[in-house]
Amino acid sequence: MLTLRLNRQGTKDRPYYKIVAVDSRKRRDGRYIEQIGTYNPMEDGVNYDINVAKADEWISKGAQPSDTVRDIIKKARKEALHAEA
C-alpha cells in the first residue's frame, strides 16, 4: 500500500522533513517514489510547502496520508481558499 508520510532530514535537534509518496513497507527514511512537499517544524508561521494537486493525485491512486500529512494538506487547502478570496 502507498502512503504519504514524512521523511526526516536535517541534523540532531534540527529536524526538517520531506513529504513523500512511499510504499508503506519501506523504512521511514528509505527510498521514496516522489517528493510532493516539505515541512520545517523549526520555522514560525507557514512552515510547510506542498503540491496539493500531486497529493490529491496520489490519494486518488489509493495512497493513505499519515495524520500529520493529512493536517498539512488540510491547512494548504484552507490557505489556498483564503488566497483566492
N, C-alpha and C. Protein backbone atom coordinates (compact mmCIF):
# COMPACT_ATOMS: atom_id res chain seq x y z
N MET A 1 0.84 -1.18 0.00
CA MET A 1 0.00 0.00 0.00
C MET A 1 0.89 1.24 0.00
N LEU A 2 0.45 2.25 -0.69
CA LEU A 2 1.18 3.52 -0.73
C LEU A 2 0.73 4.43 0.41
N THR A 3 1.68 5.19 0.92
CA THR A 3 1.36 6.17 1.95
C THR A 3 2.02 7.50 1.61
N LEU A 4 1.45 8.55 2.11
CA LEU A 4 2.05 9.88 2.06
C LEU A 4 2.52 10.15 3.48
N ARG A 5 3.80 10.31 3.67
CA ARG A 5 4.32 10.47 5.02
C ARG A 5 5.57 11.34 5.02
N LEU A 6 6.08 11.60 6.23
CA LEU A 6 7.25 12.44 6.40
C LEU A 6 8.52 11.61 6.33
N ASN A 7 9.55 12.16 5.67
CA ASN A 7 10.86 11.56 5.56
C ASN A 7 11.83 12.51 6.25
N ARG A 8 12.40 12.11 7.39
CA ARG A 8 13.21 13.00 8.20
C ARG A 8 14.56 13.32 7.56
N GLN A 9 14.90 14.59 7.58
CA GLN A 9 16.18 15.09 7.10
C GLN A 9 16.75 15.97 8.21
N GLY A 10 17.84 16.65 7.95
CA GLY A 10 18.40 17.57 8.93
C GLY A 10 19.33 16.88 9.90
N THR A 11 19.65 17.59 10.98
CA THR A 11 20.60 17.08 11.96
C THR A 11 19.90 16.89 13.31
N LYS A 12 20.68 16.45 14.27
CA LYS A 12 20.16 16.26 15.62
C LYS A 12 19.63 17.60 16.15
N ASP A 13 18.46 17.59 16.70
CA ASP A 13 17.79 18.77 17.26
C ASP A 13 17.41 19.81 16.22
N ARG A 14 17.58 19.55 14.93
CA ARG A 14 17.19 20.48 13.86
C ARG A 14 16.46 19.70 12.76
N PRO A 15 15.30 19.12 13.06
CA PRO A 15 14.63 18.29 12.07
C PRO A 15 14.06 19.11 10.92
N TYR A 16 14.01 18.47 9.78
CA TYR A 16 13.44 19.01 8.56
C TYR A 16 12.87 17.81 7.82
N TYR A 17 11.69 17.93 7.29
CA TYR A 17 11.04 16.77 6.69
C TYR A 17 10.67 17.01 5.24
N LYS A 18 10.78 15.93 4.44
CA LYS A 18 10.23 15.92 3.09
C LYS A 18 8.90 15.18 3.18
N ILE A 19 7.91 15.65 2.46
CA ILE A 19 6.63 14.96 2.38
C ILE A 19 6.71 14.11 1.11
N VAL A 20 6.61 12.79 1.29
CA VAL A 20 6.87 11.88 0.17
C VAL A 20 5.77 10.84 0.01
N ALA A 21 5.67 10.32 -1.21
CA ALA A 21 4.84 9.16 -1.51
C ALA A 21 5.77 7.95 -1.47
N VAL A 22 5.41 6.94 -0.68
CA VAL A 22 6.30 5.80 -0.46
C VAL A 22 5.48 4.54 -0.22
N ASP A 23 6.08 3.40 -0.52
CA ASP A 23 5.47 2.12 -0.18
C ASP A 23 5.49 2.00 1.34
N SER A 24 4.39 1.62 1.94
CA SER A 24 4.27 1.59 3.40
C SER A 24 5.23 0.60 4.05
N ARG A 25 5.75 -0.37 3.29
CA ARG A 25 6.66 -1.36 3.86
C ARG A 25 8.10 -0.85 3.96
N LYS A 26 8.39 0.27 3.30
CA LYS A 26 9.74 0.82 3.34
C LYS A 26 9.97 1.50 4.69
N ARG A 27 11.25 1.61 5.08
CA ARG A 27 11.56 2.28 6.34
C ARG A 27 11.34 3.78 6.22
N ARG A 28 11.27 4.46 7.34
CA ARG A 28 10.89 5.88 7.38
C ARG A 28 11.75 6.74 6.46
N ASP A 29 13.05 6.55 6.50
CA ASP A 29 13.94 7.39 5.72
C ASP A 29 14.50 6.67 4.49
N GLY A 30 13.82 5.62 4.06
CA GLY A 30 14.28 4.84 2.92
C GLY A 30 13.92 5.50 1.59
N ARG A 31 14.08 4.74 0.54
CA ARG A 31 13.81 5.22 -0.81
C ARG A 31 12.32 5.52 -0.96
N TYR A 32 12.02 6.65 -1.60
CA TYR A 32 10.63 7.03 -1.83
C TYR A 32 10.36 7.16 -3.32
N ILE A 33 9.09 7.20 -3.69
CA ILE A 33 8.69 7.27 -5.09
C ILE A 33 8.75 8.70 -5.60
N GLU A 34 8.15 9.62 -4.84
CA GLU A 34 8.11 11.02 -5.27
C GLU A 34 8.00 11.95 -4.07
N GLN A 35 8.70 13.07 -4.14
CA GLN A 35 8.58 14.09 -3.11
C GLN A 35 7.51 15.08 -3.55
N ILE A 36 6.55 15.36 -2.64
CA ILE A 36 5.47 16.28 -3.00
C ILE A 36 5.49 17.55 -2.17
N GLY A 37 6.41 17.65 -1.20
CA GLY A 37 6.48 18.86 -0.41
C GLY A 37 7.52 18.77 0.69
N THR A 38 7.53 19.84 1.52
CA THR A 38 8.46 19.90 2.64
C THR A 38 7.73 20.42 3.87
N TYR A 39 8.31 20.14 5.03
CA TYR A 39 7.76 20.60 6.30
C TYR A 39 8.92 20.90 7.23
N ASN A 40 8.97 22.12 7.77
CA ASN A 40 10.04 22.52 8.67
C ASN A 40 9.43 22.97 10.00
N PRO A 41 9.39 22.09 11.01
CA PRO A 41 8.77 22.45 12.28
C PRO A 41 9.53 23.51 13.06
N MET A 42 10.75 23.84 12.66
CA MET A 42 11.55 24.84 13.37
C MET A 42 11.18 26.27 12.96
N GLU A 43 10.45 26.43 11.86
CA GLU A 43 10.05 27.76 11.40
C GLU A 43 8.76 28.19 12.08
N ASP A 44 8.58 29.50 12.18
CA ASP A 44 7.32 30.06 12.67
C ASP A 44 6.44 30.39 11.47
N GLY A 45 5.15 30.49 11.70
CA GLY A 45 4.22 30.83 10.62
C GLY A 45 3.99 29.64 9.71
N VAL A 46 3.91 29.90 8.42
CA VAL A 46 3.69 28.83 7.44
C VAL A 46 5.01 28.07 7.29
N ASN A 47 5.05 26.86 7.83
CA ASN A 47 6.28 26.09 7.85
C ASN A 47 6.21 24.86 6.95
N TYR A 48 5.38 24.91 5.92
CA TYR A 48 5.24 23.79 5.01
C TYR A 48 5.10 24.31 3.58
N ASP A 49 5.40 23.45 2.64
CA ASP A 49 5.23 23.74 1.22
C ASP A 49 4.82 22.41 0.59
N ILE A 50 3.62 22.35 0.03
CA ILE A 50 3.13 21.08 -0.52
C ILE A 50 2.39 21.33 -1.82
N ASN A 51 2.56 20.42 -2.76
CA ASN A 51 1.85 20.46 -4.02
C ASN A 51 0.55 19.67 -3.81
N VAL A 52 -0.54 20.39 -3.57
CA VAL A 52 -1.82 19.76 -3.24
C VAL A 52 -2.34 18.93 -4.41
N ALA A 53 -2.09 19.37 -5.63
CA ALA A 53 -2.55 18.63 -6.81
C ALA A 53 -1.91 17.24 -6.86
N LYS A 54 -0.60 17.18 -6.59
CA LYS A 54 0.08 15.88 -6.58
C LYS A 54 -0.40 15.03 -5.42
N ALA A 55 -0.66 15.65 -4.27
CA ALA A 55 -1.17 14.91 -3.12
C ALA A 55 -2.54 14.29 -3.47
N ASP A 56 -3.40 15.08 -4.09
CA ASP A 56 -4.71 14.57 -4.50
C ASP A 56 -4.58 13.45 -5.52
N GLU A 57 -3.61 13.58 -6.42
CA GLU A 57 -3.38 12.54 -7.42
C GLU A 57 -2.98 11.22 -6.75
N TRP A 58 -2.08 11.29 -5.75
CA TRP A 58 -1.66 10.09 -5.05
C TRP A 58 -2.80 9.50 -4.23
N ILE A 59 -3.59 10.37 -3.60
CA ILE A 59 -4.72 9.88 -2.80
C ILE A 59 -5.74 9.19 -3.71
N SER A 60 -5.95 9.73 -4.91
CA SER A 60 -6.88 9.10 -5.85
C SER A 60 -6.38 7.73 -6.31
N LYS A 61 -5.06 7.53 -6.27
CA LYS A 61 -4.48 6.23 -6.64
C LYS A 61 -4.50 5.25 -5.47
N GLY A 62 -4.98 5.70 -4.30
CA GLY A 62 -5.12 4.81 -3.16
C GLY A 62 -4.13 5.04 -2.03
N ALA A 63 -3.31 6.08 -2.12
CA ALA A 63 -2.34 6.35 -1.06
C ALA A 63 -3.05 6.86 0.19
N GLN A 64 -2.58 6.44 1.35
CA GLN A 64 -3.15 6.86 2.62
C GLN A 64 -2.21 7.87 3.29
N PRO A 65 -2.64 9.11 3.51
CA PRO A 65 -1.76 10.07 4.18
C PRO A 65 -1.67 9.80 5.68
N SER A 66 -0.49 10.07 6.26
CA SER A 66 -0.34 9.96 7.70
C SER A 66 -1.13 11.10 8.34
N ASP A 67 -1.31 11.05 9.65
CA ASP A 67 -2.09 12.08 10.34
C ASP A 67 -1.48 13.47 10.14
N THR A 68 -0.16 13.58 10.25
CA THR A 68 0.50 14.88 10.09
C THR A 68 0.36 15.39 8.67
N VAL A 69 0.56 14.52 7.69
CA VAL A 69 0.44 14.94 6.29
C VAL A 69 -1.00 15.33 5.97
N ARG A 70 -1.96 14.61 6.53
CA ARG A 70 -3.37 14.94 6.31
C ARG A 70 -3.66 16.35 6.84
N ASP A 71 -3.12 16.69 8.02
CA ASP A 71 -3.32 18.03 8.58
C ASP A 71 -2.66 19.10 7.72
N ILE A 72 -1.46 18.82 7.20
CA ILE A 72 -0.76 19.79 6.35
C ILE A 72 -1.54 20.03 5.06
N ILE A 73 -2.07 18.97 4.47
CA ILE A 73 -2.88 19.12 3.24
C ILE A 73 -4.11 19.96 3.54
N LYS A 74 -4.75 19.70 4.67
CA LYS A 74 -5.93 20.46 5.06
C LYS A 74 -5.60 21.94 5.22
N LYS A 75 -4.48 22.26 5.88
CA LYS A 75 -4.05 23.65 6.05
C LYS A 75 -3.74 24.30 4.72
N ALA A 76 -3.09 23.56 3.81
CA ALA A 76 -2.73 24.11 2.50
C ALA A 76 -3.98 24.43 1.68
N ARG A 77 -4.98 23.57 1.75
CA ARG A 77 -6.24 23.83 1.03
C ARG A 77 -6.93 25.06 1.60
N LYS A 78 -6.95 25.18 2.93
CA LYS A 78 -7.59 26.32 3.58
C LYS A 78 -6.87 27.61 3.20
N GLU A 79 -5.53 27.57 3.18
CA GLU A 79 -4.73 28.74 2.81
C GLU A 79 -4.99 29.13 1.35
N ALA A 80 -5.13 28.14 0.46
CA ALA A 80 -5.40 28.42 -0.94
C ALA A 80 -6.76 29.09 -1.13
N LEU A 81 -7.74 28.68 -0.34
CA LEU A 81 -9.08 29.31 -0.42
C LEU A 81 -9.03 30.77 0.01
N HIS A 82 -8.27 31.05 1.07
CA HIS A 82 -8.15 32.43 1.55
C HIS A 82 -7.37 33.30 0.57
N ALA A 83 -6.41 32.71 -0.12
CA ALA A 83 -5.62 33.46 -1.10
C ALA A 83 -6.46 33.85 -2.31
N GLU A 84 -7.41 32.98 -2.69
CA GLU A 84 -8.27 33.27 -3.83
C GLU A 84 -9.29 34.37 -3.51
N ALA A 85 -9.73 34.42 -2.28
CA ALA A 85 -10.79 35.38 -1.91
C ALA A 85 -10.29 36.79 -1.78
